[in-house]
Structures are given as C-alpha cells and as structure tokens.
C-alpha cells in the first residue's frame, strides 16, 4: 500500500487530469481500506453494500475493491443542501487556518488564485467547495440548489408541462432520460438515436438501404451476442429502428414545431449529434425551432459522464430545460461537415475540421478524442485498447466489469463507451492469433458479459504496450473501422501520431 505510481506506458497516454484522479483515488482508497480493517462502521457498510459479495462470510476487502468504491462514488449525483455546504465550508476553513495538509491540498487544487493570494477568508473556502462540486462560483452553486429545490416541487405537483407551448420532439442518443422527462411533465415525443457510431463502419445515410444494411450488419455481428437476454429482442428490431429514425429525421418540419437535442460532450453523443445535424442541413427549417441542451458538467457530480446520470435526480431535467440554446445555421453547417468528414476514408479531412475555430467546441473536442481510436504509431492499438491493456497490466487479471469501471471513472478523459461496447472492443484482442490478452477464467453461470470472463495480459500485450511490435502487423485477421477509415493487416494504414497530434499514413 505504497504511493501510487503509474507505469511508463500509462503515463504516456493518460491525460494530466486522469493522472491526478488516479492519485486522489489511490489515497482515498488507502484510507477507506484502513478504516475497514479497523472496523469503522461506515467503511464496513460501504464494502458490504456496494461490493459484489460484500456480505459473504468469505469476503475479503483489498485495495482494488476500495479504489473501485472510491472511483465509482465520483459518478453519483448528490442532492446538495445549502445548509450542509455552509457548515462544510466553515469546518473546511478552520482546517485550512490550522494548516492541515488535506485542506491546503484542496485549496491548492481548486482555488484559482492560491499561488498569488496571501490572505484567505471564508468566502475562499466556499469557492473551493463550489469548484469541487463542479460550479464556478459559490453564488452559482446556491442558484443551482435553489433551482433544484423548485424543480422538485414542480415535478411533484405536475401542474404544468414545460414543453406544452409547442409540438415538440426530444432527440437523445439513448433512452436514458425518456422516463425522467415524463416524470417531470414533458409531453413531447421522444426519438432515440442510439446508433453506436463510435464503432464499426460508417457510411453516409444516403443511399438509405446501404446505410441501414451496413450499420445493422455491424450491430448483429459485433454486439448482438453480448446483449443480455432480457434485451435480446431489441436486436431483431435493429433494421426497423434505423428506418424509423431515418424517416423521423427526414420529415421533422412536417410533424414538429420544435426539435430539442439532448447531448453531452463525449464522442458517442457528438457523433450522433453530427448525424442529426447533417439531416437538419437538408431540411427547410423556416417554421421549426431547433434547440439544444448540451453540457459537460453538473453541480453535485464529481465525475460527469453523461446526462443519463441525472436520471438519478429526475428533476434535473427541469433545471436543464431553461439552459437550452438555439441551434444556428452555422451549428448545423459545421455538424454536417463533420458528418461528411467522419464517413470519409481519409481522416485528415476530419482533423482539418477540428483545427478550425468552431461554434461547436464540444464537438471539436469529441472528434479530437475519436481520432485517437485510430491505430497509434507506437503499436497499432487504439487509445481505448491501450488504456484497457494498461489497467489489466497494473491491476492483474480482471473481469470486464472492473476494467470498465476503472476506464470510465479514472483513465478515460471523455468516457463514451457502453459496457458491452468495451467487451466488443476487447474481444479481438483475445481472439487473435497473437493474443494481447487471454481469458484465464470463464463464468458461464453469469448472465452479463461484463462478468463472464476474467482477462489477463499476455507477453504480446506487454510487448505492444512497450512499443515493441504493431498489432496490425502481427495478426493477419486484425482490422478495425474508425468512421469511414478501414485499418487492417497487410495494407498501408492511417495511424494516430501522438508526437504530431494528427493522423499520418504509413
């Protein structure tokens, strides 16, 4: 239980924010495990209630389980209380005045003027508390809490429908907020656009038959067998759902006065958003209002992954509703250009787009991350594959669920993969002729693919992490689609160059 030190390979690909998160989680996990070992009731309760098998007689707590508890806790949506935060700020200020290392560290990390300021007051402690809760100022945090309290009353009373003034369609890349919108009184229709464009080949949506055939074939081939049995019936509707999405998007002005897009900042959402905007670019929207709710953080969530998290507090939808902004012609044009570039077999077209000054900075950042799914020059692996291999290398053999937890909460700067999508990405690494990972245990009694295997890194995997070989050169069946780019064995391929910060052909 020594100081956390990431491997050299991991340090090379982790963002600075991810490195800091891992250090913080390691320190908190050490404290949690120590508290458990001395019988602290709260720590014991944490392990028992939130660890699989935590109540079993033979359960053994360890540092990895503690770290997963700590990292998983950062994604919880906390109901903030102004009175509790005021008390916390006073106690925190006293700790800072007493020069406790933890309080000083928090000030140093979150106070924007810590290095230059010589005298600190209670207001400074409140500012740190606000920043820790993903709000830029204490006053904005107070306003958010007041808005949440009002939204709770509105959701309970159901006296008004927020979107009843116009015939409205809500578009979201998934159905995670569908019930939350209903709970809060929204009456508009809901369109789920959940095509996983971050994986598989992406043709343009014209011609329609080709688009539906290619995308549905990918979903059936790579994802269908990983879907838990209770959702398996949805796979049979893949073609039908894709056609329904297309028909709805192509006829929006005929059926709706207002269209509201609900997206967050990650590649999954932003690729779907560019797909929607490309459709809007082909429509006459003179009589249609197009708006967007798009966020990359939310007060009370330390690690914001997506709007779907906020369904834990359904009234969050009412707080987000006034934050919607008008989607302009420039927004639509940029999104459509991104979609065109995404479907092209030359990734430099997309790279050039994200170098431009854009009205869509979150889309630009998401596509920048997406391009890192190209094979890397060092080893022919995507960034996701490298991060996953590093997790297994550092932690030892793990089930996919544990890899997913650490990837999403610690390592990935813009978490975007669903759980079965991660298994789909990892599976070629253990099915190839020269395996990067191996299946050391199987658990056929488990119903979910995240718990059906236990994976370990191989000598080839270690060699890949060290840049000693190239995945696309040592496996004849190696291939991967990144948008319209097809990377595979035995051909000239596009790679991501970390040193140049752009795609290169080699």
Protein backbone atom coordinates (compact mmCIF):
# COMPACT_ATOMS: atom_id res chain seq x y z
CA UNK A 1 0.00 0.00 0.00
CA UNK A 2 2.68 2.45 -1.11
CA UNK A 3 2.45 5.66 -3.09
CA UNK A 4 0.67 5.24 -6.41
CA UNK A 5 2.99 5.27 -9.43
CA UNK A 6 1.50 4.65 -12.89
CA UNK A 7 3.51 2.65 -15.39
CA UNK A 8 5.59 4.41 -18.01
CA UNK A 9 3.26 3.24 -20.78
CA UNK A 10 0.20 4.51 -18.94
CA UNK A 11 1.84 7.85 -18.17
CA UNK A 12 2.43 8.26 -21.89
CA UNK A 13 -1.25 8.02 -22.80
CA UNK A 14 -3.05 9.36 -19.72
CA UNK A 15 -4.15 12.98 -19.58
CA UNK A 16 -2.91 15.10 -16.68
CA UNK A 17 -6.43 15.15 -15.24
CA UNK A 18 -6.59 11.35 -15.34
CA UNK A 19 -3.22 11.07 -13.59
CA UNK A 20 -4.43 13.39 -10.84
CA UNK A 21 -7.68 11.41 -10.48
CA UNK A 22 -5.75 8.17 -10.03
CA UNK A 23 -3.53 9.68 -7.34
CA UNK A 24 -6.56 11.02 -5.46
CA UNK A 25 -8.47 7.74 -5.75
CA UNK A 26 -5.44 5.76 -4.57
CA UNK A 27 -5.05 7.93 -1.48
CA UNK A 28 -8.75 7.78 -0.61
CA UNK A 29 -8.83 4.03 -1.23
CA UNK A 30 -5.94 3.52 1.19
CA UNK A 31 -7.82 5.45 3.86
CA UNK A 32 -11.06 3.55 3.20
CA UNK A 33 -9.37 0.15 3.36
CA UNK A 34 -7.56 1.07 6.57
CA UNK A 35 -10.85 2.20 8.11
CA UNK A 36 -12.47 -1.10 7.09
CA UNK A 37 -9.63 -3.12 8.59
CA UNK A 38 -10.02 -1.43 11.99
CA UNK A 39 -13.77 -1.99 11.92
CA UNK A 40 -15.04 1.51 11.17
CA UNK A 41 -18.84 1.06 10.81
CA UNK A 42 -19.21 3.41 7.84
CA UNK A 43 -16.35 1.77 5.95
CA UNK A 44 -17.69 -1.72 6.68
CA UNK A 45 -21.13 -0.64 5.46
CA UNK A 46 -19.59 0.78 2.27
CA UNK A 47 -17.90 -2.50 1.37
CA UNK A 48 -20.88 -4.66 2.33
CA UNK A 49 -23.47 -2.64 0.42
CA UNK A 50 -21.53 -1.75 -2.70
CA UNK A 51 -19.11 -4.63 -3.34
CA UNK A 52 -20.29 -7.78 -5.09
CA UNK A 53 -20.34 -10.49 -2.43
CA UNK A 54 -19.69 -7.92 0.28
CA UNK A 55 -21.95 -9.73 2.74
CA UNK A 56 -20.49 -13.19 2.09
CA UNK A 57 -18.64 -14.82 5.03
CA UNK A 58 -15.51 -15.28 2.93
CA UNK A 59 -15.47 -11.70 1.56
CA UNK A 60 -12.04 -10.09 1.61
CA UNK A 61 -11.55 -6.37 1.13
CA UNK A 62 -8.48 -5.21 -0.78
CA UNK A 63 -7.07 -2.02 -2.24
CA UNK A 64 -8.51 -2.60 -5.72
CA UNK A 65 -12.02 -3.05 -4.35
CA UNK A 66 -11.56 0.06 -2.23
CA UNK A 67 -10.40 2.03 -5.26
CA UNK A 68 -13.40 0.90 -7.30
CA UNK A 69 -15.68 2.04 -4.49
CA UNK A 70 -13.96 5.41 -4.42
CA UNK A 71 -13.91 5.85 -8.20
CA UNK A 72 -17.50 4.65 -8.60
CA UNK A 73 -18.63 7.10 -5.95
CA UNK A 74 -17.44 10.03 -8.07
CA UNK A 75 -20.21 9.35 -10.63
CA UNK A 76 -23.04 9.54 -8.07
CA UNK A 77 -25.37 12.52 -8.38
CA UNK A 78 -25.51 14.14 -4.95
CA UNK A 79 -28.51 16.12 -3.75
CA UNK A 80 -26.84 19.28 -2.50
CA UNK A 81 -28.02 21.02 0.66
CA UNK A 82 -27.06 24.66 1.10
CA UNK A 83 -27.12 24.38 4.90
CA UNK A 84 -24.79 21.37 4.85
CA UNK A 85 -22.46 23.07 2.39
CA UNK A 86 -22.31 26.21 4.57
CA UNK A 87 -21.33 24.09 7.57
CA UNK A 88 -18.81 22.16 5.47
CA UNK A 89 -17.25 25.43 4.29
CA UNK A 90 -16.89 26.70 7.89
CA UNK A 91 -15.28 23.45 9.04
CA UNK A 92 -13.06 23.40 5.97
CA UNK A 93 -11.95 26.99 6.58
CA UNK A 94 -10.98 26.11 10.16
CA UNK A 95 -8.95 23.17 8.88
CA UNK A 96 -7.21 25.43 6.38
CA UNK A 97 -6.41 28.01 9.07
CA UNK A 98 -4.96 25.16 11.11
CA UNK A 99 -2.74 24.26 8.11
CA UNK A 100 -3.91 20.67 7.78
CA UNK A 101 -2.30 19.08 4.69
CA UNK A 102 -5.62 17.90 3.24
CA UNK A 103 -7.22 21.35 3.44
CA UNK A 104 -4.16 23.04 1.94
CA UNK A 105 -4.13 20.48 -0.87
CA UNK A 106 -7.78 21.15 -1.68
CA UNK A 107 -7.16 24.91 -1.76
CA UNK A 108 -4.13 24.45 -3.98
CA UNK A 109 -6.06 22.27 -6.41
CA UNK A 110 -9.27 24.27 -6.70
CA UNK A 111 -8.61 27.91 -5.75
CA UNK A 112 -7.76 29.86 -8.94
CA UNK A 113 -5.58 32.40 -7.07
CA UNK A 114 -3.96 30.18 -4.49
CA UNK A 115 -0.39 30.93 -5.63
CA UNK A 116 -0.75 34.72 -5.57
CA UNK A 117 -3.17 35.36 -2.70
CA UNK A 118 -1.79 35.88 0.83
CA UNK A 119 -4.95 36.21 2.92
CA UNK A 120 -7.88 33.82 2.69
CA UNK A 121 -11.37 34.23 4.10
CA UNK A 122 -14.46 32.06 4.49
CA UNK A 123 -15.55 33.12 1.00
CA UNK A 124 -12.42 31.45 -0.38
CA UNK A 125 -13.33 28.18 1.32
CA UNK A 126 -16.82 28.48 -0.16
CA UNK A 127 -15.28 29.00 -3.60
CA UNK A 128 -13.23 25.79 -3.22
CA UNK A 129 -16.35 23.90 -2.12
CA UNK A 130 -18.20 25.22 -5.19
CA UNK A 131 -15.37 24.22 -7.54
CA UNK A 132 -15.24 20.74 -6.01
CA UNK A 133 -18.95 20.45 -6.78
CA UNK A 134 -18.42 21.49 -10.42
CA UNK A 135 -19.75 25.01 -10.06
CA UNK A 136 -17.53 28.01 -10.95
CA UNK A 137 -18.66 30.18 -8.02
CA UNK A 138 -20.44 29.89 -4.67
CA UNK A 139 -23.26 32.17 -5.87
CA UNK A 140 -23.90 29.96 -8.91
CA UNK A 141 -23.89 26.88 -6.69
CA UNK A 142 -26.51 28.50 -4.44
CA UNK A 143 -28.61 29.39 -7.50
CA UNK A 144 -28.37 25.79 -8.74
CA UNK A 145 -29.53 24.40 -5.39
CA UNK A 146 -32.48 26.80 -5.35
CA UNK A 147 -33.38 25.77 -8.91
CA UNK A 148 -33.21 22.08 -7.97
CA UNK A 149 -35.46 22.63 -4.95
CA UNK A 150 -38.01 24.48 -7.10
CA UNK A 151 -37.82 21.77 -9.77
CA UNK A 152 -38.51 19.09 -7.15
CA UNK A 153 -41.73 20.86 -6.16
CA UNK A 154 -42.73 21.29 -9.81
CA UNK A 155 -42.12 17.61 -10.58
CA UNK A 156 -44.15 16.55 -7.58
CA UNK A 157 -47.07 18.84 -8.34
CA UNK A 158 -47.16 18.08 -12.09
CA UNK A 159 -49.12 21.30 -12.55
CA UNK A 160 -47.56 22.31 -15.84
CA UNK A 161 -45.85 20.80 -18.87
CA UNK A 162 -42.58 22.60 -19.75
CA UNK A 163 -42.86 21.86 -23.49
CA UNK A 164 -46.62 22.17 -23.97
CA UNK A 165 -46.38 25.53 -25.76
CA UNK A 166 -45.22 23.86 -29.00
CA UNK A 167 -45.47 20.42 -30.58
CA UNK A 168 -42.04 19.13 -29.61
CA UNK A 169 -39.71 16.25 -30.40
CA UNK A 170 -36.91 15.43 -27.96
CA UNK A 171 -33.91 13.69 -29.56
CA UNK A 172 -31.39 11.79 -27.44
CA UNK A 173 -28.74 9.17 -28.23
CA UNK A 174 -30.35 6.59 -25.97
CA UNK A 175 -33.48 6.24 -23.86
CA UNK A 176 -31.84 7.03 -20.50
CA UNK A 177 -33.86 10.22 -19.87
CA UNK A 178 -37.13 9.17 -21.50
CA UNK A 179 -38.86 8.26 -18.24
CA UNK A 180 -37.33 11.23 -16.42
CA UNK A 181 -38.89 13.61 -18.96
CA UNK A 182 -42.29 12.00 -18.44
CA UNK A 183 -41.87 12.20 -14.66
CA UNK A 184 -41.21 15.93 -14.93
CA UNK A 185 -44.30 16.56 -17.05
CA UNK A 186 -42.82 16.85 -20.53
CA UNK A 187 -45.43 15.93 -23.15
CA UNK A 188 -43.36 15.98 -26.36
CA UNK A 189 -42.48 12.93 -28.41
CA UNK A 190 -39.14 11.18 -27.90
CA UNK A 191 -36.75 9.88 -30.57
CA UNK A 192 -33.93 7.59 -29.54
CA UNK A 193 -30.96 7.85 -31.89
CA UNK A 194 -28.63 5.27 -30.36
CA UNK A 195 -26.60 4.13 -33.34
CA UNK A 196 -23.12 3.39 -31.86
CA UNK A 197 -21.18 5.36 -34.46
CA UNK A 198 -18.01 5.22 -32.34
CA UNK A 199 -17.62 1.62 -33.54
CA UNK A 200 -17.93 -0.10 -36.90
CA UNK A 201 -18.08 1.25 -40.46
CA UNK A 202 -19.98 4.49 -41.02
CA UNK A 203 -21.37 5.12 -44.49
CA UNK A 204 -23.37 8.23 -45.34
CA UNK A 205 -27.11 7.87 -44.72
CA UNK A 206 -27.72 8.18 -48.47
CA UNK A 207 -28.39 5.79 -50.07
CA UNK A 208 -30.62 4.73 -47.21
CA UNK A 209 -30.71 1.00 -47.97
CA UNK A 210 -26.92 0.78 -47.94
CA UNK A 211 -26.66 2.76 -44.69
CA UNK A 212 -29.19 0.55 -42.89
CA UNK A 213 -27.65 -2.66 -44.25
CA UNK A 214 -24.09 -1.77 -43.22
CA UNK A 215 -24.92 -0.47 -39.75
CA UNK A 216 -27.34 -3.28 -38.90
CA UNK A 217 -24.85 -5.90 -40.13
CA UNK A 218 -22.21 -4.46 -37.78
CA UNK A 219 -24.59 -4.44 -34.80
CA UNK A 220 -25.68 -8.03 -35.44
CA UNK A 221 -22.10 -9.23 -35.96
CA UNK A 222 -20.23 -7.40 -33.19
CA UNK A 223 -22.75 -6.53 -30.48
CA UNK A 224 -25.84 -8.74 -30.68
CA UNK A 225 -24.45 -11.75 -28.81
CA UNK A 226 -23.24 -9.51 -25.97
CA UNK A 227 -26.64 -8.01 -25.21
CA UNK A 228 -28.19 -9.52 -22.03
CA UNK A 229 -31.02 -11.94 -22.73
CA UNK A 230 -33.78 -9.65 -21.42
CA UNK A 231 -32.88 -7.08 -24.11
CA UNK A 232 -32.07 -9.53 -26.91
CA UNK A 233 -35.44 -8.97 -28.58
CA UNK A 234 -34.35 -5.41 -29.41
CA UNK A 235 -31.67 -6.75 -31.77
CA UNK A 236 -34.36 -8.21 -34.01
CA UNK A 237 -35.74 -4.68 -34.44
CA UNK A 238 -32.43 -3.12 -35.49
CA UNK A 239 -33.33 -2.51 -39.14
CA UNK A 240 -36.83 -1.35 -38.18
CA UNK A 241 -35.46 1.10 -35.62
CA UNK A 242 -32.87 2.51 -38.01
CA UNK A 243 -35.54 3.09 -40.65
CA UNK A 244 -37.82 4.72 -38.07
CA UNK A 245 -35.02 7.08 -37.00
CA UNK A 246 -34.29 7.99 -40.60
CA UNK A 247 -37.93 8.56 -41.51
CA UNK A 248 -38.47 10.76 -38.44
CA UNK A 249 -35.36 12.84 -39.10
CA UNK A 250 -36.18 13.32 -42.79
CA UNK A 251 -39.72 14.60 -42.07
CA UNK A 252 -39.18 16.75 -38.96
CA UNK A 253 -40.67 20.02 -40.30
CA UNK A 254 -43.86 18.22 -41.33
CA UNK A 255 -44.56 16.92 -37.83
CA UNK A 256 -42.98 19.21 -35.23
CA UNK A 257 -42.79 22.89 -34.37
CA UNK A 258 -39.79 22.44 -32.12
CA UNK A 259 -36.92 19.95 -32.00
CA UNK A 260 -34.77 19.74 -28.86
CA UNK A 261 -31.44 17.90 -28.90
CA UNK A 262 -30.18 16.47 -25.58
CA UNK A 263 -26.45 15.68 -25.82
CA UNK A 264 -23.36 15.72 -23.66
CA UNK A 265 -19.74 16.26 -24.56
CA UNK A 266 -18.37 12.81 -25.37
CA UNK A 267 -17.70 11.17 -28.77
CA UNK A 268 -20.73 8.84 -28.62
CA UNK A 269 -23.08 11.80 -28.22
CA UNK A 270 -21.29 14.19 -30.54
CA UNK A 271 -21.05 11.69 -33.40
CA UNK A 272 -24.80 11.11 -33.06
CA UNK A 273 -25.33 14.85 -32.93
CA UNK A 274 -23.38 15.39 -36.15
CA UNK A 275 -25.57 12.70 -37.75
CA UNK A 276 -28.71 14.59 -36.68
CA UNK A 277 -27.33 17.97 -37.77
CA UNK A 278 -26.43 16.52 -41.19
CA UNK A 279 -30.11 15.63 -41.62
CA UNK A 280 -31.19 19.09 -40.49
CA UNK A 281 -28.90 20.63 -43.11
CA UNK A 282 -31.07 19.06 -45.82
CA UNK A 283 -34.40 20.32 -44.45
CA UNK A 284 -36.37 23.53 -44.69
CA UNK A 285 -36.50 24.62 -41.05
CA UNK A 286 -38.03 28.06 -41.56
CA UNK A 287 -41.06 27.08 -39.45
CA UNK A 288 -39.24 24.84 -36.99
CA UNK A 289 -37.44 25.88 -33.81
CA UNK A 290 -34.29 23.82 -33.20
CA UNK A 291 -32.74 23.96 -29.74
CA UNK A 292 -30.04 22.07 -27.88
CA UNK A 293 -29.33 21.16 -24.28
CA UNK A 294 -25.65 20.29 -24.15
CA UNK A 295 -23.50 20.05 -21.03
CA UNK A 296 -20.14 18.72 -19.91
CA UNK A 297 -20.65 19.05 -16.14
CA UNK A 298 -23.37 19.28 -13.50
CA UNK A 299 -23.15 20.56 -9.91
CA UNK A 300 -23.05 17.72 -7.42
CA UNK A 301 -21.39 15.24 -9.83
CA UNK A 302 -17.63 14.95 -9.35
CA UNK A 303 -17.13 12.79 -12.47
CA UNK A 304 -19.72 13.80 -15.05
CA UNK A 305 -20.12 11.11 -17.71
CA UNK A 306 -23.48 11.96 -19.23
CA UNK A 307 -26.99 13.33 -18.96
CA UNK A 308 -28.21 9.81 -18.25
CA UNK A 309 -26.59 10.06 -14.81
CA UNK A 310 -29.03 12.83 -13.96
CA UNK A 311 -32.00 10.48 -14.15
CA UNK A 312 -30.95 9.63 -10.57
CA UNK A 313 -32.46 13.03 -9.76
CA UNK A 314 -35.20 13.33 -12.36
CA UNK A 315 -35.94 16.97 -11.59
CA UNK A 316 -32.54 17.75 -13.14
CA UNK A 317 -34.39 17.73 -16.49
CA UNK A 318 -36.40 20.74 -15.32
CA UNK A 319 -33.20 22.54 -14.31
CA UNK A 320 -31.61 21.82 -17.69
CA UNK A 321 -34.66 22.91 -19.70
CA UNK A 322 -34.07 26.70 -19.33
CA UNK A 323 -30.44 26.17 -20.38
CA UNK A 324 -31.34 25.17 -23.93
CA UNK A 325 -29.85 27.32 -26.69
CA UNK A 326 -30.84 27.93 -30.30
CA UNK A 327 -29.13 25.74 -32.89
CA UNK A 328 -27.96 28.17 -35.55
CA UNK A 329 -27.38 27.71 -39.25
CA UNK A 330 -23.62 27.78 -38.52
CA UNK A 331 -24.04 25.00 -35.94
CA UNK A 332 -25.93 22.87 -38.44
CA UNK A 333 -23.42 23.51 -41.22
CA UNK A 334 -20.45 22.59 -39.03
CA UNK A 335 -22.13 19.43 -37.79
CA UNK A 336 -22.98 18.39 -41.35
CA UNK A 337 -19.38 18.94 -42.45
CA UNK A 338 -18.18 16.82 -39.52
CA UNK A 339 -20.54 14.03 -40.56
CA UNK A 340 -19.29 14.14 -44.14
CA UNK A 341 -15.68 14.00 -42.92
CA UNK A 342 -16.49 11.22 -40.48
CA UNK A 343 -17.76 8.97 -43.27
CA UNK A 344 -14.70 9.60 -45.48
CA UNK A 345 -11.82 7.13 -45.78
CA UNK A 346 -9.25 9.88 -45.19
CA UNK A 347 -9.20 11.03 -41.51
CA UNK A 348 -7.26 14.20 -42.28
CA UNK A 349 -10.49 15.74 -43.54
CA UNK A 350 -11.95 15.43 -40.03
CA UNK A 351 -8.68 16.51 -38.44
CA UNK A 352 -8.63 19.71 -40.50
CA UNK A 353 -12.18 20.50 -39.41
CA UNK A 354 -11.31 20.32 -35.74
CA UNK A 355 -8.44 22.77 -36.26
CA UNK A 356 -10.95 25.44 -37.27
CA UNK A 357 -12.49 27.99 -34.97
CA UNK A 358 -15.91 26.47 -34.49
CA UNK A 359 -19.31 27.27 -32.96
CA UNK A 360 -19.24 23.69 -31.62
CA UNK A 361 -16.22 23.38 -29.26
CA UNK A 362 -17.59 20.26 -27.55
CA UNK A 363 -18.00 18.58 -30.94
CA UNK A 364 -14.46 19.55 -31.88
CA UNK A 365 -13.07 18.08 -28.63
CA UNK A 366 -15.09 14.89 -29.06
CA UNK A 367 -13.85 14.32 -32.60
CA UNK A 368 -10.30 15.01 -31.46
CA UNK A 369 -10.72 12.16 -28.95
CA UNK A 370 -12.42 9.96 -31.55
CA UNK A 371 -9.44 10.28 -33.91
CA UNK A 372 -7.29 8.70 -31.19
CA UNK A 373 -9.21 5.48 -31.84
CA UNK A 374 -7.08 5.22 -34.98
CA UNK A 375 -4.20 2.75 -34.58
CA UNK A 376 -1.33 4.51 -32.82
CA UNK A 377 2.08 4.68 -34.46
CA UNK A 378 3.75 3.06 -31.47
CA UNK A 379 1.84 -0.23 -31.52
CA UNK A 380 -1.17 -0.21 -33.86
CA UNK A 381 -3.66 -0.13 -30.97
CA UNK A 382 -6.41 2.41 -30.35
CA UNK A 383 -6.30 4.59 -27.24
CA UNK A 384 -9.15 2.55 -25.70
CA UNK A 385 -7.26 -0.70 -26.26
CA UNK A 386 -4.09 0.75 -24.74
CA UNK A 387 -5.89 2.09 -21.68
CA UNK A 388 -7.60 -1.27 -21.12
CA UNK A 389 -4.34 -3.21 -21.50
CA UNK A 390 -2.66 -0.87 -19.04
CA UNK A 391 -5.41 -1.42 -16.48
CA UNK A 392 -5.02 -5.20 -16.74
CA UNK A 393 -1.24 -4.89 -16.61
CA UNK A 394 -1.31 -2.76 -13.46
CA UNK A 395 -4.12 -4.48 -11.58
CA UNK A 396 -3.68 -8.11 -12.65
CA UNK A 397 -6.38 -10.36 -14.15
CA UNK A 398 -9.79 -8.65 -14.09
CA UNK A 399 -13.32 -9.18 -15.31
CA UNK A 400 -14.52 -6.74 -18.00
CA UNK A 401 -16.80 -5.02 -15.45
CA UNK A 402 -13.84 -3.97 -13.33
CA UNK A 403 -11.90 -2.82 -16.40
CA UNK A 404 -14.93 -0.78 -17.48
CA UNK A 405 -15.25 0.79 -14.03
CA UNK A 406 -11.63 1.97 -13.93
CA UNK A 407 -11.63 3.03 -17.59
CA UNK A 408 -14.74 5.19 -17.22
CA UNK A 409 -14.05 6.71 -13.80
CA UNK A 410 -10.28 7.14 -13.85
CA UNK A 411 -8.48 6.72 -17.16
CA UNK A 412 -10.72 7.97 -19.96
CA UNK A 413 -10.81 11.74 -20.44
CA UNK A 414 -14.11 11.62 -22.36
CA UNK A 415 -15.92 8.40 -21.37
CA UNK A 416 -18.04 7.29 -24.30
CA UNK A 417 -18.25 3.50 -24.50
CA UNK A 418 -21.13 1.44 -23.19
CA UNK A 419 -20.25 -1.70 -21.24
CA UNK A 420 -20.91 -4.24 -23.99
CA UNK A 421 -19.13 -1.93 -26.43
CA UNK A 422 -15.98 -2.30 -24.34
CA UNK A 423 -16.26 -6.10 -24.46
CA UNK A 424 -16.70 -5.82 -28.23
CA UNK A 425 -13.51 -3.74 -28.41
CA UNK A 426 -11.54 -6.16 -26.21
CA UNK A 427 -12.74 -9.41 -27.78
CA UNK A 428 -10.48 -9.20 -30.87
CA UNK A 429 -7.50 -8.87 -28.50
CA UNK A 430 -8.11 -12.37 -27.11
CA UNK A 431 -9.46 -13.98 -30.29
CA UNK A 432 -6.48 -13.09 -32.50
CA UNK A 433 -3.69 -15.44 -33.50
CA UNK A 434 -1.21 -13.47 -31.36
CA UNK A 435 -3.32 -12.58 -28.33
CA UNK A 436 -2.77 -9.37 -26.40
CA UNK A 437 -4.97 -10.65 -23.57
CA UNK A 438 -6.07 -14.13 -22.59
CA UNK A 439 -9.18 -15.50 -20.92
CA UNK A 440 -7.94 -17.12 -17.72
CA UNK A 441 -11.38 -17.95 -16.25
CA UNK A 442 -14.91 -18.22 -17.56
CA UNK A 443 -18.12 -17.93 -15.56
CA UNK A 444 -20.95 -19.43 -17.66
CA UNK A 445 -23.40 -19.03 -14.80
CA UNK A 446 -23.19 -15.24 -15.13
CA UNK A 447 -25.83 -13.66 -17.36
CA UNK A 448 -23.98 -10.42 -18.17
CA UNK A 449 -20.89 -10.41 -20.44
CA UNK A 450 -19.17 -7.97 -18.07
CA UNK A 451 -18.81 -10.84 -15.57
CA UNK A 452 -18.47 -13.90 -17.80
CA UNK A 453 -14.69 -13.83 -18.24
CA UNK A 454 -11.51 -12.94 -16.38
CA UNK A 455 -8.81 -11.42 -18.53
CA UNK A 456 -5.03 -11.29 -18.18
CA UNK A 457 -2.36 -9.59 -20.25
CA UNK A 458 -0.04 -11.76 -22.37
CA UNK A 459 3.61 -11.36 -23.31
CA UNK A 460 2.42 -9.99 -26.64
CA UNK A 461 0.25 -7.49 -24.80
CA UNK A 462 3.24 -6.31 -22.79
CA UNK A 463 5.31 -6.03 -25.95
CA UNK A 464 2.57 -3.93 -27.54
CA UNK A 465 2.45 -1.61 -24.53
CA UNK A 466 6.20 -1.16 -24.76
CA UNK A 467 6.03 -0.37 -28.48
CA UNK A 468 7.99 -3.48 -29.46
CA UNK A 469 5.51 -4.67 -32.09
CA UNK A 470 2.50 -3.50 -34.10
CA UNK A 471 -0.92 -5.15 -33.75
CA UNK A 472 -1.75 -4.65 -37.43
CA UNK A 473 1.50 -6.30 -38.47
CA UNK A 474 1.47 -9.40 -36.26
CA UNK A 475 -2.15 -10.55 -36.80
CA UNK A 476 -3.41 -11.37 -40.27
CA UNK A 477 -7.05 -11.07 -39.16
CA UNK A 478 -6.57 -7.67 -37.48
CA UNK A 479 -8.94 -4.99 -38.68
CA UNK A 480 -10.92 -2.07 -37.31
CA UNK A 481 -13.21 0.65 -38.59
CA UNK A 482 -12.85 4.22 -37.38
CA UNK A 483 -15.66 6.11 -39.09
CA UNK A 484 -15.05 5.63 -42.80
CA UNK A 485 -11.43 4.55 -42.26
CA UNK A 486 -10.72 0.82 -42.51
CA UNK A 487 -7.49 -0.25 -40.78
CA UNK A 488 -6.33 -3.80 -41.40
CA UNK A 489 -3.39 -6.14 -41.78
CA UNK A 490 -1.34 -6.12 -44.98
CA UNK A 491 -2.08 -2.62 -46.24
CA UNK A 492 -0.98 0.96 -45.86
CA UNK A 493 -2.90 2.35 -42.87
CA UNK A 494 -3.79 5.62 -41.25
CA UNK A 495 -2.27 5.97 -37.77
CA UNK A 496 -2.61 8.47 -34.96
CA UNK A 497 0.70 10.24 -34.35
CA UNK A 498 0.94 11.45 -30.74
CA UNK A 499 4.09 13.44 -31.49
CA UNK A 500 2.46 15.28 -34.43
CA UNK A 501 -1.03 15.37 -32.97
CA UNK A 502 -2.66 14.27 -36.19
CA UNK A 503 -3.31 11.26 -38.46
CA UNK A 504 -0.41 10.05 -40.60
CA UNK A 505 -0.31 7.48 -43.44
CA UNK A 506 2.33 4.75 -43.22
